[in-house]
């Protein structure tokens, strides 16, 4: 849990307390202010969740790229002729894409 999620949860809790005080005293302004703090807290918590999710996605992509690199390196080292043939084929296809028919 990151700082944004903790701060958002704290704001939400503080807003609930403030809303309760506003209801108990009959002060509509305090009650509305408490509701606004709850909304701020919810938004900050959602922002924190989005940051965590983006960080996790970046780690997954980095790990996948690393495993692909290892597989590619292993293939080149163990089967160099296959790697050269694949590189030639890819180069030929790219070259054909640039030419008019």
C-alpha atoms as a PDB file:
ATOM      1  CA  UNK A   1       0.000   0.000   0.000  1.00  0.00           C
ATOM      2  CA  UNK A   2       1.529   3.324  -1.038  1.00  0.00           C
ATOM      3  CA  UNK A   3       1.304   6.791   0.537  1.00  0.00           C
ATOM      4  CA  UNK A   4      -1.599   7.906  -1.670  1.00  0.00           C
ATOM      5  CA  UNK A   5      -3.752   4.982  -0.600  1.00  0.00           C
ATOM      6  CA  UNK A   6      -2.970   5.548   3.083  1.00  0.00           C
ATOM      7  CA  UNK A   7      -3.627   9.281   2.856  1.00  0.00           C
ATOM      8  CA  UNK A   8      -6.838   8.652   0.913  1.00  0.00           C
ATOM      9  CA  UNK A   9      -8.097   6.203   3.506  1.00  0.00           C
ATOM     10  CA  UNK A  10      -7.240   8.655   6.297  1.00  0.00           C
ATOM     11  CA  UNK A  11      -9.085  11.499   4.532  1.00  0.00           C
ATOM     12  CA  UNK A  12     -12.082   9.269   3.966  1.00  0.00           C
ATOM     13  CA  UNK A  13     -12.174   8.290   7.630  1.00  0.00           C
ATOM     14  CA  UNK A  14     -11.752  11.906   8.743  1.00  0.00           C
ATOM     15  CA  UNK A  15     -14.555  12.941   6.394  1.00  0.00           C
ATOM     16  CA  UNK A  16     -16.869  10.324   7.897  1.00  0.00           C
ATOM     17  CA  UNK A  17     -16.129  11.611  11.389  1.00  0.00           C
ATOM     18  CA  UNK A  18     -16.691  15.207  10.273  1.00  0.00           C
ATOM     19  CA  UNK A  19     -19.957  14.240   8.551  1.00  0.00           C
ATOM     20  CA  UNK A  20     -21.112  12.477  11.728  1.00  0.00           C
ATOM     21  CA  UNK A  21     -20.316  15.536  13.826  1.00  0.00           C
ATOM     22  CA  UNK A  22     -22.201  17.705  11.346  1.00  0.00           C
ATOM     23  CA  UNK A  23     -25.249  15.433  11.535  1.00  0.00           C
ATOM     24  CA  UNK A  24     -25.119  15.306  15.326  1.00  0.00           C
ATOM     25  CA  UNK A  25     -24.900  19.085  15.702  1.00  0.00           C
ATOM     26  CA  UNK A  26     -27.250  19.838  12.814  1.00  0.00           C
ATOM     27  CA  UNK A  27     -24.570  21.839  10.984  1.00  0.00           C
ATOM     28  CA  UNK A  28     -25.135  21.280   7.252  1.00  0.00           C
ATOM     29  CA  UNK A  29     -21.879  22.992   6.327  1.00  0.00           C
ATOM     30  CA  UNK A  30     -19.768  20.638   8.464  1.00  0.00           C
ATOM     31  CA  UNK A  31     -21.706  17.660   7.145  1.00  0.00           C
ATOM     32  CA  UNK A  32     -21.150  18.722   3.516  1.00  0.00           C
ATOM     33  CA  UNK A  33     -17.475  19.397   4.203  1.00  0.00           C
ATOM     34  CA  UNK A  34     -17.157  15.879   5.610  1.00  0.00           C
ATOM     35  CA  UNK A  35     -18.724  14.405   2.498  1.00  0.00           C
ATOM     36  CA  UNK A  36     -16.308  16.365   0.318  1.00  0.00           C
ATOM     37  CA  UNK A  37     -13.351  15.032   2.324  1.00  0.00           C
ATOM     38  CA  UNK A  38     -14.689  11.511   1.791  1.00  0.00           C
ATOM     39  CA  UNK A  39     -14.786  12.084  -1.961  1.00  0.00           C
ATOM     40  CA  UNK A  40     -11.232  13.495  -1.884  1.00  0.00           C
ATOM     41  CA  UNK A  41     -10.100  10.458   0.072  1.00  0.00           C
ATOM     42  CA  UNK A  42     -11.771   8.046  -2.353  1.00  0.00           C
ATOM     43  CA  UNK A  43     -10.161   9.784  -5.325  1.00  0.00           C
ATOM     44  CA  UNK A  44      -6.719   9.767  -3.720  1.00  0.00           C
ATOM     45  CA  UNK A  45      -7.111   6.071  -2.876  1.00  0.00           C
ATOM     46  CA  UNK A  46      -8.099   5.316  -6.484  1.00  0.00           C
ATOM     47  CA  UNK A  47      -5.057   7.253  -7.699  1.00  0.00           C
ATOM     48  CA  UNK A  48      -2.858   5.176  -5.401  1.00  0.00           C
ATOM     49  CA  UNK A  49      -4.415   1.969  -6.714  1.00  0.00           C
ATOM     50  CA  UNK A  50      -3.773   3.085 -10.295  1.00  0.00           C
ATOM     51  CA  UNK A  51      -0.122   3.839  -9.481  1.00  0.00           C
ATOM     52  CA  UNK A  52       0.305   0.408  -7.895  1.00  0.00           C
ATOM     53  CA  UNK A  53      -1.308  -1.298 -10.885  1.00  0.00           C
ATOM     54  CA  UNK A  54       0.894   0.602 -13.339  1.00  0.00           C
ATOM     55  CA  UNK A  55       3.979  -0.347 -11.338  1.00  0.00           C
ATOM     56  CA  UNK A  56       2.969  -4.001 -11.345  1.00  0.00           C
ATOM     57  CA  UNK A  57       2.321  -3.914 -15.099  1.00  0.00           C
ATOM     58  CA  UNK A  58       5.745  -2.372 -15.690  1.00  0.00           C
ATOM     59  CA  UNK A  59       7.381  -5.124 -13.630  1.00  0.00           C
ATOM     60  CA  UNK A  60       5.537  -7.814 -15.616  1.00  0.00           C
ATOM     61  CA  UNK A  61       6.610  -6.268 -18.942  1.00  0.00           C
ATOM     62  CA  UNK A  62      10.196  -5.964 -17.743  1.00  0.00           C
ATOM     63  CA  UNK A  63      10.228  -9.603 -16.604  1.00  0.00           C
ATOM     64  CA  UNK A  64       8.712 -10.797 -19.892  1.00  0.00           C
ATOM     65  CA  UNK A  65      11.249  -8.813 -21.907  1.00  0.00           C
ATOM     66  CA  UNK A  66      14.037 -10.291 -19.833  1.00  0.00           C
ATOM     67  CA  UNK A  67      12.807 -13.852 -20.383  1.00  0.00           C
ATOM     68  CA  UNK A  68      12.411 -13.171 -24.132  1.00  0.00           C
ATOM     69  CA  UNK A  69      15.955 -11.830 -24.258  1.00  0.00           C
ATOM     70  CA  UNK A  70      17.261 -14.946 -22.500  1.00  0.00           C
ATOM     71  CA  UNK A  71      15.352 -17.216 -24.898  1.00  0.00           C
ATOM     72  CA  UNK A  72      16.646 -15.293 -27.914  1.00  0.00           C
ATOM     73  CA  UNK A  73      20.230 -15.354 -26.643  1.00  0.00           C
ATOM     74  CA  UNK A  74      19.966 -19.095 -25.941  1.00  0.00           C
ATOM     75  CA  UNK A  75      18.594 -19.787 -29.436  1.00  0.00           C
ATOM     76  CA  UNK A  76      21.340 -17.758 -31.116  1.00  0.00           C
ATOM     77  CA  UNK A  77      24.055 -19.510 -29.121  1.00  0.00           C
ATOM     78  CA  UNK A  78      22.709 -23.045 -29.592  1.00  0.00           C
ATOM     79  CA  UNK A  79      21.376 -22.741 -33.172  1.00  0.00           C
ATOM     80  CA  UNK A  80      23.286 -20.028 -35.002  1.00  0.00           C
ATOM     81  CA  UNK A  81      22.278 -21.183 -38.506  1.00  0.00           C
ATOM     82  CA  UNK A  82      18.581 -21.106 -37.583  1.00  0.00           C
ATOM     83  CA  UNK A  83      19.045 -17.615 -36.130  1.00  0.00           C
ATOM     84  CA  UNK A  84      20.764 -16.375 -39.304  1.00  0.00           C
ATOM     85  CA  UNK A  85      18.030 -17.893 -41.485  1.00  0.00           C
ATOM     86  CA  UNK A  86      15.326 -16.233 -39.359  1.00  0.00           C
ATOM     87  CA  UNK A  87      17.130 -12.872 -39.516  1.00  0.00           C
ATOM     88  CA  UNK A  88      17.406 -13.135 -43.308  1.00  0.00           C
ATOM     89  CA  UNK A  89      13.718 -14.010 -43.587  1.00  0.00           C
ATOM     90  CA  UNK A  90      12.699 -11.059 -41.419  1.00  0.00           C
ATOM     91  CA  UNK A  91      14.961  -8.746 -43.410  1.00  0.00           C
ATOM     92  CA  UNK A  92      13.521 -10.000 -46.691  1.00  0.00           C
ATOM     93  CA  UNK A  93       9.929  -9.427 -45.470  1.00  0.00           C
ATOM     94  CA  UNK A  94      10.774  -5.908 -44.269  1.00  0.00           C
ATOM     95  CA  UNK A  95      12.471  -5.190 -47.594  1.00  0.00           C
ATOM     96  CA  UNK A  96       9.435  -6.392 -49.538  1.00  0.00           C
ATOM     97  CA  UNK A  97       7.142  -4.147 -47.509  1.00  0.00           C
ATOM     98  CA  UNK A  98       9.003  -1.053 -48.708  1.00  0.00           C
ATOM     99  CA  UNK A  99       8.772  -1.890 -52.413  1.00  0.00           C
ATOM    100  CA  UNK A 100       5.848  -1.167 -54.700  1.00  0.00           C
ATOM    101  CA  UNK A 101       4.398  -4.258 -56.349  1.00  0.00           C
END
